[in-house]
Amino acid sequence: MGGYAPALGEVVVFGGGDTAVDQDATWAWDGTNWSQLVPGGASPPAREQFGTVWDPSSHQFLIFGGISFQSGQVFRDTWKLSGN
């Protein structure tokens, strides 16, 4: 799941997976190329059924909540990716 991040000029996508495994990768699409974003610190755990939004006031891409496919754990956390 993802959304357009105007400060980056790219579409940001987090997660993915298949019927057995969730992924915790973050990718950006600039209209031509994909590039994997590697946060300088902790990353959100892999999850599904989460929400994403671009916050124009803080210039950050936010990820909220979700569920772990593997364990069933419900996440009630918020993660942010800065726009630089």
PDB file of N, CA and C in Angstrom:
ATOM      1  N   MET A   1       0.855  -1.161   0.000  1.00  0.00           N
ATOM      2  CA  MET A   1       0.000   0.000   0.000  1.00  0.00           C
ATOM      3  C   MET A   1       0.903   1.227   0.000  1.00  0.00           C
ATOM      4  N   GLY A   2       0.449   2.284  -0.620  1.00  0.00           N
ATOM      5  CA  GLY A   2       1.287   3.470  -0.686  1.00  0.00           C
ATOM      6  C   GLY A   2       0.527   4.687  -1.134  1.00  0.00           C
ATOM      7  N   GLY A   3       1.277   5.689  -1.517  1.00  0.00           N
ATOM      8  CA  GLY A   3       0.683   6.931  -1.968  1.00  0.00           C
ATOM      9  C   GLY A   3       1.734   7.858  -2.530  1.00  0.00           C
ATOM     10  N   TYR A   4       1.265   8.953  -3.124  1.00  0.00           N
ATOM     11  CA  TYR A   4       2.163   9.928  -3.726  1.00  0.00           C
ATOM     12  C   TYR A   4       2.756  10.826  -2.647  1.00  0.00           C
ATOM     13  N   ALA A   5       4.054  11.014  -2.679  1.00  0.00           N
ATOM     14  CA  ALA A   5       4.776  11.868  -1.741  1.00  0.00           C
ATOM     15  C   ALA A   5       5.308  13.080  -2.515  1.00  0.00           C
ATOM     16  N   PRO A   6       4.602  14.212  -2.487  1.00  0.00           N
ATOM     17  CA  PRO A   6       5.000  15.374  -3.284  1.00  0.00           C
ATOM     18  C   PRO A   6       6.419  15.872  -3.000  1.00  0.00           C
ATOM     19  N   ALA A   7       6.849  15.848  -1.753  1.00  0.00           N
ATOM     20  CA  ALA A   7       8.201  16.324  -1.427  1.00  0.00           C
ATOM     21  C   ALA A   7       9.273  15.469  -2.079  1.00  0.00           C
ATOM     22  N   LEU A   8       8.959  14.203  -2.308  1.00  0.00           N
ATOM     23  CA  LEU A   8       9.885  13.302  -2.989  1.00  0.00           C
ATOM     24  C   LEU A   8       9.679  13.320  -4.494  1.00  0.00           C
ATOM     25  N   GLY A   9       8.467  13.723  -4.929  1.00  0.00           N
ATOM     26  CA  GLY A   9       8.125  13.638  -6.345  1.00  0.00           C
ATOM     27  C   GLY A   9       7.990  12.198  -6.792  1.00  0.00           C
ATOM     28  N   GLU A  10       7.638  11.319  -5.860  1.00  0.00           N
ATOM     29  CA  GLU A  10       7.568   9.902  -6.144  1.00  0.00           C
ATOM     30  C   GLU A  10       6.362   9.274  -5.458  1.00  0.00           C
ATOM     31  N   VAL A  11       6.006   8.086  -5.925  1.00  0.00           N
ATOM     32  CA  VAL A  11       5.018   7.267  -5.253  1.00  0.00           C
ATOM     33  C   VAL A  11       5.793   6.344  -4.308  1.00  0.00           C
ATOM     34  N   VAL A  12       5.381   6.304  -3.043  1.00  0.00           N
ATOM     35  CA  VAL A  12       6.031   5.454  -2.051  1.00  0.00           C
ATOM     36  C   VAL A  12       5.119   4.271  -1.751  1.00  0.00           C
ATOM     37  N   VAL A  13       5.697   3.067  -1.739  1.00  0.00           N
ATOM     38  CA  VAL A  13       4.948   1.841  -1.505  1.00  0.00           C
ATOM     39  C   VAL A  13       5.646   1.058  -0.394  1.00  0.00           C
ATOM     40  N   PHE A  14       4.855   0.577   0.560  1.00  0.00           N
ATOM     41  CA  PHE A  14       5.394  -0.236   1.644  1.00  0.00           C
ATOM     42  C   PHE A  14       4.698  -1.591   1.649  1.00  0.00           C
ATOM     43  N   GLY A  15       5.458  -2.622   1.999  1.00  0.00           N
ATOM     44  CA  GLY A  15       4.866  -3.940   2.196  1.00  0.00           C
ATOM     45  C   GLY A  15       4.830  -4.766   0.944  1.00  0.00           C
ATOM     46  N   GLY A  16       3.793  -5.544   0.844  1.00  0.00           N
ATOM     47  CA  GLY A  16       3.665  -6.479  -0.260  1.00  0.00           C
ATOM     48  C   GLY A  16       3.777  -7.893   0.274  1.00  0.00           C
ATOM     49  N   GLY A  17       3.845  -8.829  -0.596  1.00  0.00           N
ATOM     50  CA  GLY A  17       3.982 -10.215  -0.184  1.00  0.00           C
ATOM     51  C   GLY A  17       3.127 -11.128  -1.023  1.00  0.00           C
ATOM     52  N   ASP A  18       2.946 -12.328  -0.506  1.00  0.00           N
ATOM     53  CA  ASP A  18       2.119 -13.315  -1.187  1.00  0.00           C
ATOM     54  C   ASP A  18       1.209 -13.964  -0.152  1.00  0.00           C
ATOM     55  N   THR A  19       0.675 -15.121  -0.451  1.00  0.00           N
ATOM     56  CA  THR A  19      -0.281 -15.742   0.462  1.00  0.00           C
ATOM     57  C   THR A  19       0.374 -16.334   1.700  1.00  0.00           C
ATOM     58  N   ALA A  20       1.698 -16.362   1.774  1.00  0.00           N
ATOM     59  CA  ALA A  20       2.372 -16.975   2.916  1.00  0.00           C
ATOM     60  C   ALA A  20       3.243 -16.010   3.714  1.00  0.00           C
ATOM     61  N   VAL A  21       3.753 -14.955   3.076  1.00  0.00           N
ATOM     62  CA  VAL A  21       4.731 -14.091   3.740  1.00  0.00           C
ATOM     63  C   VAL A  21       4.454 -12.626   3.424  1.00  0.00           C
ATOM     64  N   ASP A  22       4.402 -11.790   4.473  1.00  0.00           N
ATOM     65  CA  ASP A  22       4.344 -10.339   4.288  1.00  0.00           C
ATOM     66  C   ASP A  22       5.762  -9.802   4.142  1.00  0.00           C
ATOM     67  N   GLN A  23       5.904  -8.714   3.419  1.00  0.00           N
ATOM     68  CA  GLN A  23       7.203  -8.078   3.231  1.00  0.00           C
ATOM     69  C   GLN A  23       7.255  -6.750   3.992  1.00  0.00           C
ATOM     70  N   ASP A  24       8.461  -6.325   4.367  1.00  0.00           N
ATOM     71  CA  ASP A  24       8.620  -5.053   5.062  1.00  0.00           C
ATOM     72  C   ASP A  24       9.452  -4.062   4.252  1.00  0.00           C
ATOM     73  N   ALA A  25       9.459  -4.223   2.946  1.00  0.00           N
ATOM     74  CA  ALA A  25      10.254  -3.369   2.071  1.00  0.00           C
ATOM     75  C   ALA A  25       9.514  -2.071   1.751  1.00  0.00           C
ATOM     76  N   THR A  26      10.282  -1.002   1.564  1.00  0.00           N
ATOM     77  CA  THR A  26       9.741   0.294   1.159  1.00  0.00           C
ATOM     78  C   THR A  26      10.372   0.667  -0.178  1.00  0.00           C
ATOM     79  N   TRP A  27       9.517   1.013  -1.161  1.00  0.00           N
ATOM     80  CA  TRP A  27       9.974   1.316  -2.507  1.00  0.00           C
ATOM     81  C   TRP A  27       9.445   2.675  -2.955  1.00  0.00           C
ATOM     82  N   ALA A  28      10.166   3.307  -3.862  1.00  0.00           N
ATOM     83  CA  ALA A  28       9.724   4.573  -4.454  1.00  0.00           C
ATOM     84  C   ALA A  28       9.735   4.433  -5.973  1.00  0.00           C
ATOM     85  N   TRP A  29       8.721   5.012  -6.626  1.00  0.00           N
ATOM     86  CA  TRP A  29       8.578   4.999  -8.088  1.00  0.00           C
ATOM     87  C   TRP A  29       8.597   6.447  -8.551  1.00  0.00           C
ATOM     88  N   ASP A  30       9.545   6.788  -9.425  1.00  0.00           N
ATOM     89  CA  ASP A  30       9.666   8.171  -9.900  1.00  0.00           C
ATOM     90  C   ASP A  30       9.006   8.397 -11.258  1.00  0.00           C
ATOM     91  N   GLY A  31       8.262   7.413 -11.724  1.00  0.00           N
ATOM     92  CA  GLY A  31       7.625   7.488 -13.027  1.00  0.00           C
ATOM     93  C   GLY A  31       8.387   6.716 -14.083  1.00  0.00           C
ATOM     94  N   THR A  32       9.634   6.378 -13.780  1.00  0.00           N
ATOM     95  CA  THR A  32      10.470   5.609 -14.694  1.00  0.00           C
ATOM     96  C   THR A  32      11.115   4.416 -14.007  1.00  0.00           C
ATOM     97  N   ASN A  33      11.620   4.639 -12.805  1.00  0.00           N
ATOM     98  CA  ASN A  33      12.402   3.616 -12.112  1.00  0.00           C
ATOM     99  C   ASN A  33      11.899   3.381 -10.693  1.00  0.00           C
ATOM    100  N   TRP A  34      12.071   2.138 -10.234  1.00  0.00           N
ATOM    101  CA  TRP A  34      11.836   1.783  -8.838  1.00  0.00           C
ATOM    102  C   TRP A  34      13.156   1.862  -8.088  1.00  0.00           C
ATOM    103  N   SER A  35      13.122   2.341  -6.853  1.00  0.00           N
ATOM    104  CA  SER A  35      14.309   2.297  -5.998  1.00  0.00           C
ATOM    105  C   SER A  35      13.866   1.899  -4.600  1.00  0.00           C
ATOM    106  N   GLN A  36      14.638   1.008  -3.995  1.00  0.00           N
ATOM    107  CA  GLN A  36      14.294   0.581  -2.645  1.00  0.00           C
ATOM    108  C   GLN A  36      14.822   1.609  -1.647  1.00  0.00           C
ATOM    109  N   LEU A  37      13.948   2.056  -0.759  1.00  0.00           N
ATOM    110  CA  LEU A  37      14.334   3.004   0.278  1.00  0.00           C
ATOM    111  C   LEU A  37      14.739   2.211   1.512  1.00  0.00           C
ATOM    112  N   VAL A  38      15.871   2.575   2.064  1.00  0.00           N
ATOM    113  CA  VAL A  38      16.369   1.892   3.252  1.00  0.00           C
ATOM    114  C   VAL A  38      16.435   2.918   4.371  1.00  0.00           C
ATOM    115  N   PRO A  39      15.474   2.865   5.290  1.00  0.00           N
ATOM    116  CA  PRO A  39      15.475   3.836   6.381  1.00  0.00           C
ATOM    117  C   PRO A  39      16.747   3.750   7.203  1.00  0.00           C
ATOM    118  N   GLY A  40      17.210   4.884   7.700  1.00  0.00           N
ATOM    119  CA  GLY A  40      18.402   4.934   8.545  1.00  0.00           C
ATOM    120  C   GLY A  40      18.045   4.636   9.984  1.00  0.00           C
ATOM    121  N   GLY A  41      17.597   3.483  10.271  1.00  0.00           N
ATOM    122  CA  GLY A  41      17.169   3.095  11.613  1.00  0.00           C
ATOM    123  C   GLY A  41      16.203   1.951  11.517  1.00  0.00           C
ATOM    124  N   ALA A  42      15.311   1.867  12.466  1.00  0.00           N
ATOM    125  CA  ALA A  42      14.334   0.791  12.488  1.00  0.00           C
ATOM    126  C   ALA A  42      13.313   0.948  11.360  1.00  0.00           C
ATOM    127  N   SER A  43      12.841  -0.161  10.849  1.00  0.00           N
ATOM    128  CA  SER A  43      11.787  -0.184   9.835  1.00  0.00           C
ATOM    129  C   SER A  43      10.530  -0.770  10.461  1.00  0.00           C
ATOM    130  N   PRO A  44       9.369  -0.444   9.907  1.00  0.00           N
ATOM    131  CA  PRO A  44       8.150  -1.088  10.403  1.00  0.00           C
ATOM    132  C   PRO A  44       8.203  -2.588  10.162  1.00  0.00           C
ATOM    133  N   PRO A  45       7.687  -3.369  11.098  1.00  0.00           N
ATOM    134  CA  PRO A  45       7.605  -4.807  10.845  1.00  0.00           C
ATOM    135  C   PRO A  45       6.668  -5.089   9.671  1.00  0.00           C
ATOM    136  N   ALA A  46       6.882  -6.209   9.010  1.00  0.00           N
ATOM    137  CA  ALA A  46       5.996  -6.620   7.911  1.00  0.00           C
ATOM    138  C   ALA A  46       4.573  -6.709   8.435  1.00  0.00           C
ATOM    139  N   ARG A  47       3.609  -6.278   7.583  1.00  0.00           N
ATOM    140  CA  ARG A  47       2.204  -6.265   7.991  1.00  0.00           C
ATOM    141  C   ARG A  47       1.302  -6.171   6.780  1.00  0.00           C
ATOM    142  N   GLU A  48       0.032  -6.369   7.005  1.00  0.00           N
ATOM    143  CA  GLU A  48      -0.992  -6.170   5.978  1.00  0.00           C
ATOM    144  C   GLU A  48      -2.155  -5.432   6.625  1.00  0.00           C
ATOM    145  N   GLN A  49      -3.100  -4.999   5.818  1.00  0.00           N
ATOM    146  CA  GLN A  49      -4.288  -4.289   6.281  1.00  0.00           C
ATOM    147  C   GLN A  49      -3.933  -3.047   7.110  1.00  0.00           C
ATOM    148  N   PHE A  50      -2.992  -2.257   6.624  1.00  0.00           N
ATOM    149  CA  PHE A  50      -2.573  -1.037   7.296  1.00  0.00           C
ATOM    150  C   PHE A  50      -2.987   0.168   6.469  1.00  0.00           C
ATOM    151  N   GLY A  51      -2.873   1.341   7.052  1.00  0.00           N
ATOM    152  CA  GLY A  51      -3.201   2.571   6.340  1.00  0.00           C
ATOM    153  C   GLY A  51      -1.955   3.377   6.038  1.00  0.00           C
ATOM    154  N   THR A  52      -1.999   4.138   4.946  1.00  0.00           N
ATOM    155  CA  THR A  52      -0.902   5.035   4.598  1.00  0.00           C
ATOM    156  C   THR A  52      -1.466   6.385   4.182  1.00  0.00           C
ATOM    157  N   VAL A  53      -0.678   7.428   4.401  1.00  0.00           N
ATOM    158  CA  VAL A  53      -1.091   8.766   4.008  1.00  0.00           C
ATOM    159  C   VAL A  53       0.150   9.656   3.932  1.00  0.00           C
ATOM    160  N   TRP A  54       0.099  10.649   3.059  1.00  0.00           N
ATOM    161  CA  TRP A  54       1.129  11.675   3.005  1.00  0.00           C
ATOM    162  C   TRP A  54       0.652  12.840   3.853  1.00  0.00           C
ATOM    163  N   ASP A  55       1.474  13.267   4.817  1.00  0.00           N
ATOM    164  CA  ASP A  55       1.140  14.407   5.674  1.00  0.00           C
ATOM    165  C   ASP A  55       1.841  15.642   5.124  1.00  0.00           C
ATOM    166  N   PRO A  56       1.104  16.553   4.459  1.00  0.00           N
ATOM    167  CA  PRO A  56       1.732  17.708   3.831  1.00  0.00           C
ATOM    168  C   PRO A  56       2.314  18.708   4.836  1.00  0.00           C
ATOM    169  N   SER A  57       1.793  18.723   6.054  1.00  0.00           N
ATOM    170  CA  SER A  57       2.318  19.691   7.022  1.00  0.00           C
ATOM    171  C   SER A  57       3.694  19.291   7.546  1.00  0.00           C
ATOM    172  N   SER A  58       3.952  18.001   7.672  1.00  0.00           N
ATOM    173  CA  SER A  58       5.259  17.547   8.165  1.00  0.00           C
ATOM    174  C   SER A  58       6.148  16.990   7.057  1.00  0.00           C
ATOM    175  N   HIS A  59       5.611  16.887   5.829  1.00  0.00           N
ATOM    176  CA  HIS A  59       6.338  16.313   4.687  1.00  0.00           C
ATOM    177  C   HIS A  59       6.813  14.896   4.998  1.00  0.00           C
ATOM    178  N   GLN A  60       5.893  14.102   5.535  1.00  0.00           N
ATOM    179  CA  GLN A  60       6.225  12.733   5.879  1.00  0.00           C
ATOM    180  C   GLN A  60       5.145  11.782   5.372  1.00  0.00           C
ATOM    181  N   PHE A  61       5.585  10.602   4.997  1.00  0.00           N
ATOM    182  CA  PHE A  61       4.713   9.508   4.588  1.00  0.00           C
ATOM    183  C   PHE A  61       4.455   8.687   5.846  1.00  0.00           C
ATOM    184  N   LEU A  62       3.203   8.470   6.216  1.00  0.00           N
ATOM    185  CA  LEU A  62       2.859   7.782   7.462  1.00  0.00           C
ATOM    186  C   LEU A  62       2.235   6.408   7.183  1.00  0.00           C
ATOM    187  N   ILE A  63       2.580   5.455   8.021  1.00  0.00           N
ATOM    188  CA  ILE A  63       2.009   4.115   7.998  1.00  0.00           C
ATOM    189  C   ILE A  63       1.391   3.887   9.371  1.00  0.00           C
ATOM    190  N   PHE A  64       0.147   3.408   9.397  1.00  0.00           N
ATOM    191  CA  PHE A  64      -0.513   3.176  10.679  1.00  0.00           C
ATOM    192  C   PHE A  64      -1.166   1.802  10.733  1.00  0.00           C
ATOM    193  N   GLY A  65      -0.987   1.135  11.882  1.00  0.00           N
ATOM    194  CA  GLY A  65      -1.705  -0.091  12.177  1.00  0.00           C
ATOM    195  C   GLY A  65      -1.356  -1.263  11.293  1.00  0.00           C
ATOM    196  N   GLY A  66      -2.246  -2.229  11.273  1.00  0.00           N
ATOM    197  CA  GLY A  66      -2.078  -3.412  10.447  1.00  0.00           C
ATOM    198  C   GLY A  66      -2.086  -4.681  11.276  1.00  0.00           C
ATOM    199  N   ILE A  67      -1.916  -5.778  10.583  1.00  0.00           N
ATOM    200  CA  ILE A  67      -1.935  -7.102  11.197  1.00  0.00           C
ATOM    201  C   ILE A  67      -0.798  -7.926  10.606  1.00  0.00           C
ATOM    202  N   SER A  68      -0.117  -8.684  11.450  1.00  0.00           N
ATOM    203  CA  SER A  68       0.899  -9.624  10.980  1.00  0.00           C
ATOM    204  C   SER A  68       0.207 -10.859  10.440  1.00  0.00           C
ATOM    205  N   PHE A  69       0.476 -11.193   9.175  1.00  0.00           N
ATOM    206  CA  PHE A  69      -0.113 -12.389   8.569  1.00  0.00           C
ATOM    207  C   PHE A  69       0.367 -13.642   9.297  1.00  0.00           C
ATOM    208  N   GLN A  70       1.666 -13.660   9.649  1.00  0.00           N
ATOM    209  CA  GLN A  70       2.249 -14.853  10.239  1.00  0.00           C
ATOM    210  C   GLN A  70       1.750 -15.106  11.663  1.00  0.00           C
ATOM    211  N   SER A  71       1.708 -14.076  12.508  1.00  0.00           N
ATOM    212  CA  SER A  71       1.386 -14.286  13.926  1.00  0.00           C
ATOM    213  C   SER A  71      -0.016 -13.842  14.320  1.00  0.00           C
ATOM    214  N   GLY A  72      -0.650 -13.013  13.488  1.00  0.00           N
ATOM    215  CA  GLY A  72      -1.957 -12.472  13.846  1.00  0.00           C
ATOM    216  C   GLY A  72      -1.883 -11.267  14.764  1.00  0.00           C
ATOM    217  N   GLN A  73      -0.655 -10.831  15.094  1.00  0.00           N
ATOM    218  CA  GLN A  73      -0.481  -9.663  15.966  1.00  0.00           C
ATOM    219  C   GLN A  73      -1.124  -8.439  15.329  1.00  0.00           C
ATOM    220  N   VAL A  74      -1.861  -7.676  16.130  1.00  0.00           N
ATOM    221  CA  VAL A  74      -2.465  -6.430  15.665  1.00  0.00           C
ATOM    222  C   VAL A  74      -1.534  -5.290  16.036  1.00  0.00           C
ATOM    223  N   PHE A  75      -1.149  -4.488  15.030  1.00  0.00           N
ATOM    224  CA  PHE A  75      -0.278  -3.334  15.261  1.00  0.00           C
ATOM    225  C   PHE A  75      -1.135  -2.088  15.446  1.00  0.00           C
ATOM    226  N   ARG A  76      -0.809  -1.303  16.446  1.00  0.00           N
ATOM    227  CA  ARG A  76      -1.478  -0.019  16.677  1.00  0.00           C
ATOM    228  C   ARG A  76      -0.427   1.079  16.724  1.00  0.00           C
ATOM    229  N   ASP A  77       0.563   0.958  15.844  1.00  0.00           N
ATOM    230  CA  ASP A  77       1.685   1.886  15.840  1.00  0.00           C
ATOM    231  C   ASP A  77       1.632   2.807  14.626  1.00  0.00           C
ATOM    232  N   THR A  78       2.428   3.848  14.665  1.00  0.00           N
ATOM    233  CA  THR A  78       2.564   4.781  13.544  1.00  0.00           C
ATOM    234  C   THR A  78       4.037   4.912  13.202  1.00  0.00           C
ATOM    235  N   TRP A  79       4.349   4.808  11.919  1.00  0.00           N
ATOM    236  CA  TRP A  79       5.707   4.972  11.429  1.00  0.00           C
ATOM    237  C   TRP A  79       5.728   6.121  10.438  1.00  0.00           C
ATOM    238  N   LYS A  80       6.844   6.824  10.341  1.00  0.00           N
ATOM    239  CA  LYS A  80       6.950   7.938   9.404  1.00  0.00           C
ATOM    240  C   LYS A  80       8.237   7.838   8.603  1.00  0.00           C
ATOM    241  N   LEU A  81       8.123   8.241   7.345  1.00  0.00           N
ATOM    242  CA  LEU A  81       9.269   8.305   6.450  1.00  0.00           C
ATOM    243  C   LEU A  81       9.373   9.753   6.004  1.00  0.00           C
ATOM    244  N   SER A  82      10.467  10.404   6.365  1.00  0.00           N
ATOM    245  CA  SER A  82      10.644  11.813   6.000  1.00  0.00           C
ATOM    246  C   SER A  82      10.815  11.966   4.508  1.00  0.00           C
ATOM    247  N   GLY A  83      10.484  13.151   4.025  1.00  0.00           N
ATOM    248  CA  GLY A  83      10.516  13.411   2.585  1.00  0.00           C
ATOM    249  C   GLY A  83      11.840  13.829   2.035  1.00  0.00           C
ATOM    250  N   ASN A  84      12.932  13.381   2.626  1.00  0.00           N
ATOM    251  CA  ASN A  84      14.246  13.734   2.069  1.00  0.00           C
ATOM    252  C   ASN A  84      15.138  12.545   2.051  1.00  0.00           C
TER     253      ASN A  84
END
